[in-house]
C-alpha atoms as a PDB file:
ATOM      1  CA  GLN A   1      46.823  60.464-124.957  1.00  0.00           C
ATOM      2  CA  VAL A   2      43.531  58.411-126.205  1.00  0.00           C
ATOM      3  CA  GLN A   3      42.554  55.431-123.943  1.00  0.00           C
ATOM      4  CA  LEU A   4      40.979  52.605-125.480  1.00  0.00           C
ATOM      5  CA  VAL A   5      38.569  50.417-123.411  1.00  0.00           C
ATOM      6  CA  GLU A   6      37.739  47.064-124.880  1.00  0.00           C
ATOM      7  CA  SER A   7      35.039  44.926-123.955  1.00  0.00           C
ATOM      8  CA  GLY A   8      32.532  42.023-124.744  1.00  0.00           C
ATOM      9  CA  GLY A   9      35.253  38.832-124.455  1.00  0.00           C
ATOM     10  CA  GLY A  10      34.318  35.673-123.000  1.00  0.00           C
ATOM     11  CA  LEU A  11      34.088  32.235-123.548  1.00  0.00           C
ATOM     12  CA  VAL A  12      32.171  30.113-126.199  1.00  0.00           C
ATOM     13  CA  GLN A  13      32.173  27.318-128.096  1.00  0.00           C
ATOM     14  CA  ALA A  14      33.221  26.524-131.371  1.00  0.00           C
ATOM     15  CA  GLY A  15      30.799  28.142-133.864  1.00  0.00           C
ATOM     16  CA  ASP A  16      29.277  30.383-131.814  1.00  0.00           C
ATOM     17  CA  SER A  17      29.234  34.592-132.187  1.00  0.00           C
ATOM     18  CA  LEU A  18      30.938  37.474-130.290  1.00  0.00           C
ATOM     19  CA  ARG A  19      31.191  41.236-130.767  1.00  0.00           C
ATOM     20  CA  LEU A  20      33.961  43.482-129.311  1.00  0.00           C
ATOM     21  CA  SER A  21      33.545  46.708-128.405  1.00  0.00           C
ATOM     22  CA  CYS A  22      36.021  49.776-128.287  1.00  0.00           C
ATOM     23  CA  ALA A  23      35.467  52.933-127.038  1.00  0.00           C
ATOM     24  CA  ALA A  24      37.874  55.768-126.824  1.00  0.00           C
ATOM     25  CA  SER A  25      38.019  58.366-124.629  1.00  0.00           C
ATOM     26  CA  GLY A  26      40.221  61.592-123.171  1.00  0.00           C
ATOM     27  CA  ARG A  27      40.129  62.902-126.907  1.00  0.00           C
ATOM     28  CA  THR A  28      38.037  63.362-129.867  1.00  0.00           C
ATOM     29  CA  PHE A  29      39.956  60.697-132.300  1.00  0.00           C
ATOM     30  CA  SER A  30      41.308  62.091-135.373  1.00  0.00           C
ATOM     31  CA  GLY A  31      43.391  59.334-136.738  1.00  0.00           C
ATOM     32  CA  ASN A  32      43.887  57.632-139.366  1.00  0.00           C
ATOM     33  CA  ALA A  33      42.403  54.267-138.145  1.00  0.00           C
ATOM     34  CA  MET A  34      41.226  51.500-135.723  1.00  0.00           C
ATOM     35  CA  GLY A  35      41.666  48.170-135.112  1.00  0.00           C
ATOM     36  CA  TRP A  36      42.138  44.766-133.317  1.00  0.00           C
ATOM     37  CA  PHE A  37      44.771  42.699-133.178  1.00  0.00           C
ATOM     38  CA  ARG A  38      45.317  39.272-131.156  1.00  0.00           C
ATOM     39  CA  GLN A  39      47.442  37.433-129.208  1.00  0.00           C
ATOM     40  CA  ALA A  40      48.113  34.029-128.913  1.00  0.00           C
ATOM     41  CA  PRO A  41      50.076  32.234-126.185  1.00  0.00           C
ATOM     42  CA  GLY A  42      53.323  31.543-127.216  1.00  0.00           C
ATOM     43  CA  LYS A  43      51.984  33.303-130.719  1.00  0.00           C
ATOM     44  CA  GLU A  44      53.512  37.266-132.090  1.00  0.00           C
ATOM     45  CA  ARG A  45      50.714  39.687-131.673  1.00  0.00           C
ATOM     46  CA  GLU A  46      49.047  39.514-135.108  1.00  0.00           C
ATOM     47  CA  PHE A  47      46.907  41.976-137.281  1.00  0.00           C
ATOM     48  CA  VAL A  48      43.165  40.895-137.527  1.00  0.00           C
ATOM     49  CA  ALA A  49      41.073  43.769-138.655  1.00  0.00           C
ATOM     50  CA  GLY A  50      41.246  47.621-139.699  1.00  0.00           C
ATOM     51  CA  ILE A  51      38.938  50.228-140.825  1.00  0.00           C
ATOM     52  CA  ASN A  52      39.663  53.830-141.696  1.00  0.00           C
ATOM     53  CA  TRP A  53      38.190  56.186-140.115  1.00  0.00           C
ATOM     54  CA  SER A  54      37.230  58.730-142.540  1.00  0.00           C
ATOM     55  CA  GLY A  55      36.603  57.141-145.871  1.00  0.00           C
ATOM     56  CA  GLY A  56      35.448  53.589-143.705  1.00  0.00           C
ATOM     57  CA  SER A  57      37.508  51.187-145.696  1.00  0.00           C
ATOM     58  CA  THR A  58      38.273  47.741-144.112  1.00  0.00           C
ATOM     59  CA  VAL A  59      41.331  45.382-144.310  1.00  0.00           C
ATOM     60  CA  TYR A  60      40.808  41.676-142.809  1.00  0.00           C
ATOM     61  CA  ALA A  61      43.388  39.131-141.912  1.00  0.00           C
ATOM     62  CA  ASP A  62      42.617  35.971-144.425  1.00  0.00           C
ATOM     63  CA  SER A  63      42.186  33.962-141.345  1.00  0.00           C
ATOM     64  CA  VAL A  64      39.691  35.663-140.261  1.00  0.00           C
ATOM     65  CA  LYS A  65      37.830  37.174-143.979  1.00  0.00           C
ATOM     66  CA  GLY A  66      34.218  36.047-143.922  1.00  0.00           C
ATOM     67  CA  ARG A  67      33.825  35.422-140.550  1.00  0.00           C
ATOM     68  CA  PHE A  68      34.761  38.396-139.195  1.00  0.00           C
ATOM     69  CA  THR A  69      33.791  41.768-139.579  1.00  0.00           C
ATOM     70  CA  ILE A  70      34.819  45.403-138.582  1.00  0.00           C
ATOM     71  CA  SER A  71      32.380  48.300-137.811  1.00  0.00           C
ATOM     72  CA  LYS A  72      32.368  52.169-136.352  1.00  0.00           C
ATOM     73  CA  GLU A  73      30.486  54.853-135.024  1.00  0.00           C
ATOM     74  CA  SER A  74      32.478  57.659-135.010  1.00  0.00           C
ATOM     75  CA  ALA A  75      30.596  60.437-133.270  1.00  0.00           C
ATOM     76  CA  LYS A  76      30.574  57.668-130.104  1.00  0.00           C
ATOM     77  CA  THR A  77      34.610  56.565-131.705  1.00  0.00           C
ATOM     78  CA  THR A  78      33.580  53.581-130.783  1.00  0.00           C
ATOM     79  CA  VAL A  79      35.150  50.628-133.199  1.00  0.00           C
ATOM     80  CA  TYR A  80      33.564  47.137-133.007  1.00  0.00           C
ATOM     81  CA  LEU A  81      34.740  43.622-133.971  1.00  0.00           C
ATOM     82  CA  GLN A  82      31.795  41.218-134.681  1.00  0.00           C
ATOM     83  CA  MET A  83      33.248  37.340-134.898  1.00  0.00           C
ATOM     84  CA  ASN A  84      30.672  34.937-136.270  1.00  0.00           C
ATOM     85  CA  SER A  85      31.285  31.146-136.836  1.00  0.00           C
ATOM     86  CA  LEU A  86      34.207  31.454-133.906  1.00  0.00           C
ATOM     87  CA  LYS A  87      37.262  28.575-134.044  1.00  0.00           C
ATOM     88  CA  PRO A  88      39.135  27.512-131.577  1.00  0.00           C
ATOM     89  CA  GLU A  89      42.091  29.022-133.301  1.00  0.00           C
ATOM     90  CA  ASP A  90      40.814  32.445-132.616  1.00  0.00           C
ATOM     91  CA  THR A  91      41.583  32.073-129.063  1.00  0.00           C
ATOM     92  CA  ALA A  92      43.474  35.142-128.039  1.00  0.00           C
ATOM     93  CA  VAL A  93      43.516  38.490-126.292  1.00  0.00           C
ATOM     94  CA  TYR A  94      41.898  40.655-128.818  1.00  0.00           C
ATOM     95  CA  TYR A  95      43.403  44.235-128.246  1.00  0.00           C
ATOM     96  CA  CYS A  96      41.441  47.939-129.873  1.00  0.00           C
ATOM     97  CA  ALA A  97      44.694  49.626-131.165  1.00  0.00           C
ATOM     98  CA  ALA A  98      44.361  53.349-132.838  1.00  0.00           C
ATOM     99  CA  ASP A  99      46.540  55.006-135.679  1.00  0.00           C
ATOM    100  CA  SER A 100      46.645  58.422-134.820  1.00  0.00           C
ATOM    101  CA  SER A 101      48.557  59.439-138.015  1.00  0.00           C
ATOM    102  CA  PRO A 102      47.193  62.381-140.356  1.00  0.00           C
ATOM    103  CA  PRO A 103      44.088  60.901-141.892  1.00  0.00           C
ATOM    104  CA  GLY A 104      43.719  59.584-144.969  1.00  0.00           C
ATOM    105  CA  THR A 105      40.437  58.685-147.063  1.00  0.00           C
ATOM    106  CA  TRP A 106      41.277  54.864-147.207  1.00  0.00           C
ATOM    107  CA  TYR A 107      44.290  53.166-146.310  1.00  0.00           C
ATOM    108  CA  VAL A 108      44.373  50.920-143.311  1.00  0.00           C
ATOM    109  CA  SER A 109      47.964  49.496-141.610  1.00  0.00           C
ATOM    110  CA  ARG A 110      48.269  45.198-141.299  1.00  0.00           C
ATOM    111  CA  ARG A 111      51.497  46.828-139.023  1.00  0.00           C
ATOM    112  CA  SER A 112      51.312  46.670-135.129  1.00  0.00           C
ATOM    113  CA  ALA A 113      53.545  49.512-134.971  1.00  0.00           C
ATOM    114  CA  THR A 114      51.517  51.641-137.055  1.00  0.00           C
ATOM    115  CA  TYR A 115      49.121  51.752-134.171  1.00  0.00           C
ATOM    116  CA  ASP A 116      50.404  54.029-131.173  1.00  0.00           C
ATOM    117  CA  TYR A 117      47.437  53.712-128.782  1.00  0.00           C
ATOM    118  CA  TRP A 118      46.418  50.401-127.574  1.00  0.00           C
ATOM    119  CA  GLY A 119      43.733  48.635-125.040  1.00  0.00           C
ATOM    120  CA  GLN A 120      44.246  46.462-122.705  1.00  0.00           C
ATOM    121  CA  GLY A 121      42.744  43.725-124.001  1.00  0.00           C
ATOM    122  CA  THR A 122      39.905  41.394-123.696  1.00  0.00           C
ATOM    123  CA  GLN A 123      40.361  37.445-123.177  1.00  0.00           C
ATOM    124  CA  VAL A 124      38.110  35.525-126.012  1.00  0.00           C
ATOM    125  CA  THR A 125      38.693  31.458-125.795  1.00  0.00           C
ATOM    126  CA  VAL A 126      36.642  29.100-128.196  1.00  0.00           C
ATOM    127  CA  SER A 127      35.956  25.670-126.989  1.00  0.00           C
ATOM    128  CA  SER A 128      36.190  23.100-129.551  1.00  0.00           C
END
């Protein structure tokens, strides 16, 4: 089992930036992709961003495109989410997830069911 640990959450003001980190442990990750999801109170968990582990292709939710950037350090099996121009609607618990299916070169799923390993989450709160 791959263990995922998120860090970097906190309380910020609208317009501020924050960087989340997710480190995997237990095994060297060799799956298809890693990504970030978030869940706000009263809402379903939604896809935020994902990155293909082999080819590095990225996919973003429309709501964060142009503001958030996902990146990775393969040797450390670590994925990052740089969040700029934060808005109150970005407030949520952010979860790191790993898709351990056989790796491709470009595909990144937006579906939570595709991801089989999840971190405990880190709280991001953006005040207005």
